[in-house]
Amino acid sequence: MSHRQAEPRAVDSGNRIPVVVQAPDPISQAGVRSQLGQHPVIDLLDGAEAGPGAVAVLVNESPDEATLSRLRRLVRSEGARAVLVVGAIREAELLDVIECGVGAIVWRHEASAHRLVQAVLAASRGDGDLPADLLGRLITQVGSLQRTAAGRPGAPLAGLVPREIDVLRLIAEGMDTGEIASKLSYSERTVKNVMHGLTTRLHLRNRAHAVAYALREGYI
């Protein structure tokens, strides 16, 4: 979930990622499309409909209610993955963004071609990609929510097994699937199966949402 500087992994040309860009003004729209269009794996789509398997890149200065509504529709109704490019996020908005199903966030001032492609690739794989400072704020925020929720009647009782906790802890440290597999001596398929199992069982939308859940419930 951290900001990495490694080059994006090559993807087979037969597996290009369909990408829709939504921005509030023509200049931002054209700029992001130009940056993404430089990479051969990106298949830029015309129009606003994303659809299952596509990645939607939303650009805005802040995640206002209209942006959150679009994110929910894209992820829950259209089945797309989402990347949010923003200038700023307030504390009260951060968890809302994660719970909308956003796994990748890019600061507007860091939105280079490399950074945007990196976020799109992470989102398409279901990985998280948050700037390091946002990850720290997320940990702080859900930690305080965890203390509030601990004594709340009706709090979730569904537990995580040790293997799931190990995987989530390493995701929270910024590791990707391959690094987690190496660290825990698992295959990458096993790591993916662990994540799929817990996100399905607990109705979590992506890795960032799973980490937020684990932090909030006190597992990591």
Protein backbone atom coordinates (compact mmCIF):
# COMPACT_ATOMS: atom_id res chain seq x y z
CA MET A 1 0.00 0.00 0.00
CA SER A 2 2.97 2.30 0.05
CA HIS A 3 4.36 4.58 -2.62
CA ARG A 4 7.00 2.50 -4.44
CA GLN A 5 9.55 3.72 -6.94
CA ALA A 6 10.11 0.42 -8.76
CA GLU A 7 9.16 0.33 -12.42
CA PRO A 8 5.68 -1.03 -13.10
CA ARG A 9 5.74 -4.70 -14.02
CA ALA A 10 5.38 -5.56 -17.67
CA VAL A 11 1.97 -6.93 -18.64
CA ASP A 12 1.23 -9.13 -21.61
CA SER A 13 -0.11 -7.07 -24.51
CA GLY A 14 -3.11 -9.41 -24.68
CA ASN A 15 -4.08 -8.37 -21.16
CA ARG A 16 -4.36 -4.62 -21.58
CA ILE A 17 -6.20 -2.79 -18.82
CA PRO A 18 -9.28 -0.80 -19.87
CA VAL A 19 -9.15 2.60 -18.19
CA VAL A 20 -11.73 5.39 -17.95
CA VAL A 21 -10.66 8.88 -16.84
CA GLN A 22 -13.15 11.22 -15.17
CA ALA A 23 -12.02 14.77 -14.37
CA PRO A 24 -13.84 18.02 -13.56
CA ASP A 25 -12.32 20.03 -16.42
CA PRO A 26 -10.99 19.37 -19.95
CA ILE A 27 -7.39 20.27 -19.08
CA SER A 28 -7.18 17.75 -16.23
CA GLN A 29 -8.95 15.14 -18.36
CA ALA A 30 -6.55 15.59 -21.26
CA GLY A 31 -3.50 15.69 -18.98
CA VAL A 32 -4.25 12.41 -17.21
CA ARG A 33 -5.18 10.67 -20.47
CA SER A 34 -1.93 11.88 -22.03
CA GLN A 35 0.11 10.55 -19.08
CA LEU A 36 -1.61 7.16 -19.08
CA GLY A 37 -1.63 6.82 -22.85
CA GLN A 38 2.18 6.58 -22.88
CA HIS A 39 2.09 3.06 -21.40
CA PRO A 40 1.37 0.11 -23.76
CA VAL A 41 -0.66 -1.83 -21.18
CA ILE A 42 -3.24 0.95 -20.80
CA ASP A 43 -6.30 0.82 -23.07
CA LEU A 44 -7.97 4.23 -22.72
CA LEU A 45 -11.73 4.08 -23.20
CA ASP A 46 -13.96 6.88 -24.41
CA GLY A 47 -17.03 7.79 -22.40
CA ALA A 48 -17.75 7.59 -18.68
CA GLU A 49 -18.86 3.96 -18.32
CA ALA A 50 -16.20 1.74 -16.79
CA GLY A 51 -17.74 -1.71 -16.36
CA PRO A 52 -16.38 -4.91 -14.77
CA GLY A 53 -12.62 -5.36 -15.08
CA ALA A 54 -11.95 -1.73 -15.93
CA VAL A 55 -10.10 0.82 -13.83
CA ALA A 56 -11.72 4.22 -13.33
CA VAL A 57 -9.35 7.12 -12.58
CA LEU A 58 -11.23 9.94 -10.84
CA VAL A 59 -9.58 13.33 -10.57
CA ASN A 60 -10.78 16.01 -8.16
CA GLU A 61 -9.34 18.56 -5.77
CA SER A 62 -10.98 16.81 -2.81
CA PRO A 63 -13.33 13.84 -2.33
CA ASP A 64 -16.60 15.74 -2.02
CA GLU A 65 -19.96 14.00 -1.73
CA ALA A 66 -20.43 13.93 -5.50
CA THR A 67 -17.06 12.21 -5.92
CA LEU A 68 -17.86 9.67 -3.19
CA SER A 69 -21.19 8.95 -4.86
CA ARG A 70 -19.47 8.34 -8.21
CA LEU A 71 -16.92 6.07 -6.54
CA ARG A 72 -19.65 3.98 -4.91
CA ARG A 73 -21.48 3.63 -8.22
CA LEU A 74 -18.33 2.69 -10.13
CA VAL A 75 -17.20 0.04 -7.63
CA ARG A 76 -20.51 -1.39 -6.41
CA SER A 77 -22.76 -1.05 -9.45
CA GLU A 78 -20.39 -1.12 -12.41
CA GLY A 79 -17.84 -3.53 -10.90
CA ALA A 80 -14.85 -1.32 -11.72
CA ARG A 81 -11.64 -0.75 -9.76
CA ALA A 82 -11.00 2.84 -8.70
CA VAL A 83 -8.00 5.16 -8.52
CA LEU A 84 -8.53 8.55 -6.88
CA VAL A 85 -6.30 11.49 -7.82
CA VAL A 86 -6.80 14.32 -5.31
CA GLY A 87 -5.16 17.48 -4.06
CA ALA A 88 -6.15 16.96 -0.40
CA ILE A 89 -8.11 14.63 1.86
CA ARG A 90 -9.44 15.66 5.25
CA GLU A 91 -9.33 13.26 8.17
CA ALA A 92 -13.11 12.81 8.11
CA GLU A 93 -13.02 11.85 4.41
CA LEU A 94 -10.22 9.30 4.39
CA LEU A 95 -12.09 6.28 5.74
CA ASP A 96 -15.12 7.18 3.60
CA VAL A 97 -12.91 6.98 0.51
CA ILE A 98 -11.47 3.59 1.52
CA GLU A 99 -14.91 2.20 2.33
CA CYS A 100 -16.18 3.30 -1.09
CA GLY A 101 -13.82 0.69 -2.51
CA VAL A 102 -10.84 2.84 -3.47
CA GLY A 103 -7.57 0.93 -3.14
CA ALA A 104 -5.23 3.39 -4.86
CA ILE A 105 -4.83 7.11 -4.18
CA VAL A 106 -2.43 9.52 -5.90
CA TRP A 107 -1.70 13.11 -4.85
CA ARG A 108 -2.28 15.51 -7.73
CA HIS A 109 1.17 17.07 -7.27
CA GLU A 110 2.73 13.59 -7.65
CA ALA A 111 0.63 12.49 -10.63
CA SER A 112 3.44 11.72 -13.08
CA ALA A 113 3.00 9.13 -15.81
CA HIS A 114 4.95 6.60 -13.72
CA ARG A 115 2.90 7.22 -10.59
CA LEU A 116 -0.45 7.05 -12.40
CA VAL A 117 0.42 3.82 -14.22
CA GLN A 118 1.70 2.34 -10.95
CA ALA A 119 -1.65 3.09 -9.28
CA VAL A 120 -3.69 1.73 -12.21
CA LEU A 121 -1.69 -1.53 -12.23
CA ALA A 122 -2.11 -1.91 -8.46
CA ALA A 123 -5.85 -1.26 -8.67
CA SER A 124 -6.29 -3.72 -11.53
CA ARG A 125 -4.62 -6.45 -9.44
CA GLY A 126 -6.71 -5.61 -6.38
CA ASP A 127 -3.62 -4.37 -4.54
CA GLY A 128 -3.54 -1.25 -2.40
CA ASP A 129 -1.40 1.76 -3.28
CA LEU A 130 -1.61 4.61 -0.77
CA PRO A 131 0.93 7.41 -0.25
CA ALA A 132 2.94 6.72 2.92
CA ASP A 133 1.57 9.78 4.72
CA LEU A 134 -2.01 8.70 4.02
CA LEU A 135 -1.33 5.19 5.30
CA GLY A 136 -0.07 6.68 8.57
CA ARG A 137 -3.19 8.83 8.88
CA LEU A 138 -5.40 5.82 8.16
CA ILE A 139 -3.71 3.80 10.90
CA THR A 140 -4.16 6.66 13.38
CA GLN A 141 -7.80 7.18 12.43
CA VAL A 142 -8.90 3.56 12.61
CA GLY A 143 -6.96 3.15 15.85
CA SER A 144 -9.15 5.78 17.47
CA LEU A 145 -12.26 4.24 15.94
CA GLN A 146 -11.21 0.85 17.30
CA ARG A 147 -11.14 2.22 20.86
CA THR A 148 -14.61 3.70 20.36
CA ALA A 149 -16.04 0.52 18.83
CA ALA A 150 -14.55 -1.88 21.38
CA GLY A 151 -17.41 -1.49 23.81
CA ARG A 152 -20.18 -0.94 21.31
CA PRO A 153 -23.08 -3.43 21.50
CA GLY A 154 -23.35 -5.52 18.37
CA ALA A 155 -19.71 -5.09 17.36
CA PRO A 156 -18.62 -7.71 14.78
CA LEU A 157 -17.49 -11.01 16.25
CA ALA A 158 -16.11 -12.49 13.03
CA GLY A 159 -12.47 -13.29 13.66
CA LEU A 160 -9.30 -13.47 11.61
CA VAL A 161 -7.05 -16.52 11.68
CA PRO A 162 -3.30 -16.06 12.30
CA ARG A 163 -2.41 -16.54 8.63
CA GLU A 164 -4.81 -13.76 7.61
CA ILE A 165 -3.40 -11.45 10.29
CA ASP A 166 0.16 -12.13 9.10
CA VAL A 167 -0.77 -11.25 5.51
CA LEU A 168 -2.66 -8.09 6.50
CA ARG A 169 0.18 -6.90 8.73
CA LEU A 170 2.61 -7.13 5.80
CA ILE A 171 0.14 -5.37 3.48
CA ALA A 172 -0.06 -2.57 6.06
CA GLU A 173 3.75 -2.35 5.90
CA GLY A 174 3.54 -1.70 2.15
CA MET A 175 4.45 -5.11 0.72
CA ASP A 176 2.96 -6.42 -2.50
CA THR A 177 1.82 -10.00 -3.17
CA GLY A 178 5.25 -11.28 -4.24
CA GLU A 179 7.03 -9.76 -1.25
CA ILE A 180 4.44 -11.18 1.17
CA ALA A 181 4.76 -14.63 -0.38
CA SER A 182 8.55 -14.51 0.00
CA LYS A 183 8.40 -13.21 3.58
CA LEU A 184 5.94 -15.88 4.74
CA SER A 185 7.28 -18.69 2.51
CA TYR A 186 3.92 -18.97 0.73
CA SER A 187 3.15 -19.09 -2.97
CA GLU A 188 1.64 -15.96 -4.49
CA ARG A 189 -1.50 -18.01 -5.16
CA THR A 190 -1.78 -18.79 -1.45
CA VAL A 191 -1.50 -15.10 -0.54
CA LYS A 192 -4.20 -14.24 -3.09
CA ASN A 193 -6.42 -17.04 -1.78
CA VAL A 194 -6.01 -15.80 1.81
CA MET A 195 -7.04 -12.29 0.76
CA HIS A 196 -9.94 -13.52 -1.35
CA GLY A 197 -11.21 -15.69 1.49
CA LEU A 198 -11.21 -12.97 4.14
CA THR A 199 -12.55 -10.19 1.89
CA THR A 200 -15.41 -12.46 0.75
CA ARG A 201 -16.22 -13.69 4.26
CA LEU A 202 -16.20 -10.22 5.82
CA HIS A 203 -17.70 -8.39 2.81
CA LEU A 204 -14.62 -6.18 2.39
CA ARG A 205 -14.04 -4.45 -0.94
CA ASN A 206 -10.27 -4.54 -1.37
CA ARG A 207 -6.94 -4.73 0.47
CA ALA A 208 -7.11 -1.21 1.85
CA HIS A 209 -10.57 -1.91 3.27
CA ALA A 210 -9.30 -5.19 4.78
CA VAL A 211 -6.38 -3.42 6.48
CA ALA A 212 -8.75 -0.76 7.79
CA TYR A 213 -11.00 -3.50 9.20
CA ALA A 214 -8.07 -5.31 10.85
CA LEU A 215 -6.80 -2.10 12.40
CA ARG A 216 -10.23 -1.04 13.59
CA GLU A 217 -10.85 -4.44 15.23
CA GLY A 218 -7.43 -4.49 16.88
CA TYR A 219 -5.86 -7.37 14.96
CA ILE A 220 -2.84 -5.37 13.78
